[in-house]
C-alpha atoms as a PDB file:
ATOM      1  CA  MET A   1      31.573 -80.089 -49.603  1.00  0.00           C
ATOM      2  CA  ALA A   2      33.228 -76.512 -50.360  1.00  0.00           C
ATOM      3  CA  SER A   3      29.920 -74.982 -51.541  1.00  0.00           C
ATOM      4  CA  GLU A   4      28.322 -76.230 -48.172  1.00  0.00           C
ATOM      5  CA  LYS A   5      31.285 -74.669 -45.901  1.00  0.00           C
ATOM      6  CA  LEU A   6      31.272 -71.808 -48.359  1.00  0.00           C
ATOM      7  CA  GLY A   7      27.494 -70.398 -47.434  1.00  0.00           C
ATOM      8  CA  ARG A   8      27.432 -71.388 -44.328  1.00  0.00           C
ATOM      9  CA  GLN A   9      30.854 -69.133 -44.148  1.00  0.00           C
ATOM     10  CA  LEU A  10      28.695 -66.345 -45.973  1.00  0.00           C
ATOM     11  CA  GLU A  11      25.716 -67.137 -44.004  1.00  0.00           C
ATOM     12  CA  ALA A  12      27.687 -66.117 -40.905  1.00  0.00           C
ATOM     13  CA  GLU A  13      29.375 -63.300 -42.276  1.00  0.00           C
ATOM     14  CA  VAL A  14      25.300 -61.686 -42.963  1.00  0.00           C
ATOM     15  CA  SER A  15      24.767 -62.868 -39.143  1.00  0.00           C
ATOM     16  CA  GLU A  16      27.147 -61.238 -38.192  1.00  0.00           C
ATOM     17  CA  THR A  17      27.226 -57.952 -40.179  1.00  0.00           C
ATOM     18  CA  ASN A  18      23.037 -57.619 -39.173  1.00  0.00           C
ATOM     19  CA  ALA A  19      24.452 -58.417 -35.324  1.00  0.00           C
ATOM     20  CA  LYS A  20      26.578 -55.267 -37.121  1.00  0.00           C
ATOM     21  CA  LEU A  21      23.769 -52.591 -38.606  1.00  0.00           C
ATOM     22  CA  ALA A  22      21.742 -53.824 -35.571  1.00  0.00           C
ATOM     23  CA  GLU A  23      24.059 -52.547 -32.942  1.00  0.00           C
ATOM     24  CA  MET A  24      24.581 -49.284 -34.871  1.00  0.00           C
ATOM     25  CA  GLU A  25      20.649 -48.598 -35.614  1.00  0.00           C
ATOM     26  CA  ARG A  26      20.806 -48.902 -31.250  1.00  0.00           C
ATOM     27  CA  GLU A  27      23.931 -46.013 -31.152  1.00  0.00           C
ATOM     28  CA  LEU A  28      22.025 -44.319 -33.958  1.00  0.00           C
ATOM     29  CA  ARG A  29      19.212 -44.434 -31.984  1.00  0.00           C
ATOM     30  CA  ASP A  30      20.552 -43.317 -28.652  1.00  0.00           C
ATOM     31  CA  VAL A  31      22.642 -40.501 -29.703  1.00  0.00           C
ATOM     32  CA  THR A  32      19.483 -39.138 -31.654  1.00  0.00           C
ATOM     33  CA  ALA A  33      17.694 -38.932 -28.406  1.00  0.00           C
ATOM     34  CA  HIS A  34      20.553 -37.502 -26.747  1.00  0.00           C
ATOM     35  CA  ARG A  35      20.757 -34.960 -29.091  1.00  0.00           C
ATOM     36  CA  ASN A  36      16.499 -34.191 -28.887  1.00  0.00           C
ATOM     37  CA  ARG A  37      17.506 -34.199 -24.910  1.00  0.00           C
ATOM     38  CA  LEU A  38      20.286 -31.559 -25.248  1.00  0.00           C
ATOM     39  CA  GLN A  39      17.961 -29.542 -27.584  1.00  0.00           C
ATOM     40  CA  LEU A  40      15.001 -29.822 -25.070  1.00  0.00           C
ATOM     41  CA  GLU A  41      17.973 -28.337 -22.666  1.00  0.00           C
ATOM     42  CA  LEU A  42      19.277 -25.566 -25.210  1.00  0.00           C
ATOM     43  CA  ASN A  43      16.038 -24.560 -25.912  1.00  0.00           C
ATOM     44  CA  ASP A  44      15.030 -24.021 -22.477  1.00  0.00           C
ATOM     45  CA  THR A  45      18.159 -22.435 -21.251  1.00  0.00           C
ATOM     46  CA  SER A  46      17.835 -20.100 -24.186  1.00  0.00           C
ATOM     47  CA  SER A  47      14.563 -19.325 -23.363  1.00  0.00           C
ATOM     48  CA  ARG A  48      15.264 -18.222 -19.777  1.00  0.00           C
ATOM     49  CA  LEU A  49      18.844 -16.060 -20.962  1.00  0.00           C
ATOM     50  CA  GLN A  50      16.027 -14.434 -23.022  1.00  0.00           C
ATOM     51  CA  THR A  51      13.676 -13.847 -19.547  1.00  0.00           C
ATOM     52  CA  ALA A  52      16.780 -13.186 -17.868  1.00  0.00           C
ATOM     53  CA  GLU A  53      17.810 -10.449 -20.732  1.00  0.00           C
ATOM     54  CA  ASN A  54      14.320  -9.109 -20.349  1.00  0.00           C
ATOM     55  CA  GLN A  55      14.438  -8.791 -16.394  1.00  0.00           C
ATOM     56  CA  LEU A  56      18.270  -7.181 -16.722  1.00  0.00           C
ATOM     57  CA  SER A  57      17.072  -4.449 -19.249  1.00  0.00           C
ATOM     58  CA  GLN A  58      14.330  -3.886 -17.075  1.00  0.00           C
ATOM     59  CA  ALA A  59      16.292  -3.478 -14.326  1.00  0.00           C
ATOM     60  CA  GLN A  60      17.967  -1.263 -16.113  1.00  0.00           C
ATOM     61  CA  ARG A  61      15.378   1.213 -17.436  1.00  0.00           C
ATOM     62  CA  ALA A  62      13.678   1.142 -13.711  1.00  0.00           C
ATOM     63  CA  LYS A  63      17.181   2.373 -12.923  1.00  0.00           C
ATOM     64  CA  THR A  64      17.591   4.922 -15.154  1.00  0.00           C
ATOM     65  CA  THR A  65      14.156   6.394 -13.935  1.00  0.00           C
ATOM     66  CA  LEU A  66      15.846   6.229  -9.682  1.00  0.00           C
ATOM     67  CA  VAL A  67      18.984   8.316 -10.525  1.00  0.00           C
ATOM     68  CA  ALA A  68      16.440  10.885 -12.417  1.00  0.00           C
ATOM     69  CA  GLN A  69      14.304  10.793  -9.802  1.00  0.00           C
ATOM     70  CA  LEU A  70      17.426  10.801  -7.424  1.00  0.00           C
ATOM     71  CA  ASP A  71      19.070  13.359  -9.183  1.00  0.00           C
ATOM     72  CA  GLU A  72      14.940  15.716  -9.274  1.00  0.00           C
ATOM     73  CA  LEU A  73      15.203  15.056  -5.906  1.00  0.00           C
ATOM     74  CA  ARG A  74      18.491  16.652  -4.754  1.00  0.00           C
ATOM     75  CA  GLN A  75      18.036  19.201  -6.928  1.00  0.00           C
ATOM     76  CA  ALA A  76      14.609  19.762  -5.043  1.00  0.00           C
ATOM     77  CA  THR A  77      16.354  20.035  -1.658  1.00  0.00           C
ATOM     78  CA  ASP A  78      19.421  22.253  -3.104  1.00  0.00           C
ATOM     79  CA  GLU A  79      16.795  24.712  -4.513  1.00  0.00           C
ATOM     80  CA  ASN A  80      14.545  24.481  -1.153  1.00  0.00           C
ATOM     81  CA  SER A  81      18.158  24.887   1.127  1.00  0.00           C
ATOM     82  CA  ALA A  82      19.515  28.092  -0.756  1.00  0.00           C
ATOM     83  CA  ALA A  83      15.501  29.655  -0.003  1.00  0.00           C
ATOM     84  CA  TYR A  84      15.926  29.147   3.253  1.00  0.00           C
ATOM     85  CA  SER A  85      19.118  30.476   4.253  1.00  0.00           C
ATOM     86  CA  LYS A  86      17.783  33.377   1.841  1.00  0.00           C
ATOM     87  CA  VAL A  87      14.994  33.433   3.963  1.00  0.00           C
ATOM     88  CA  TYR A  88      16.450  33.161   7.608  1.00  0.00           C
ATOM     89  CA  ARG A  89      19.847  34.755   7.225  1.00  0.00           C
END
């Protein structure tokens, strides 16, 4: 009788342990799936950041070019104004 009680008790413990193990496996799958989603999101965000950095770099190069062109135009305008002033004084 004591061995039957012990057997039932051990079966209950095994059943409880299996239930806990199954729950932990579900939690592990959930955490892994969440981690994978976050990794995809991180990859997407990194890609968008890289694109934005490239666009910023292009914009900065364009700005530098435009500033140089503006300086050249100002210089040409100043030279033309000076030449015009000399001719019509």
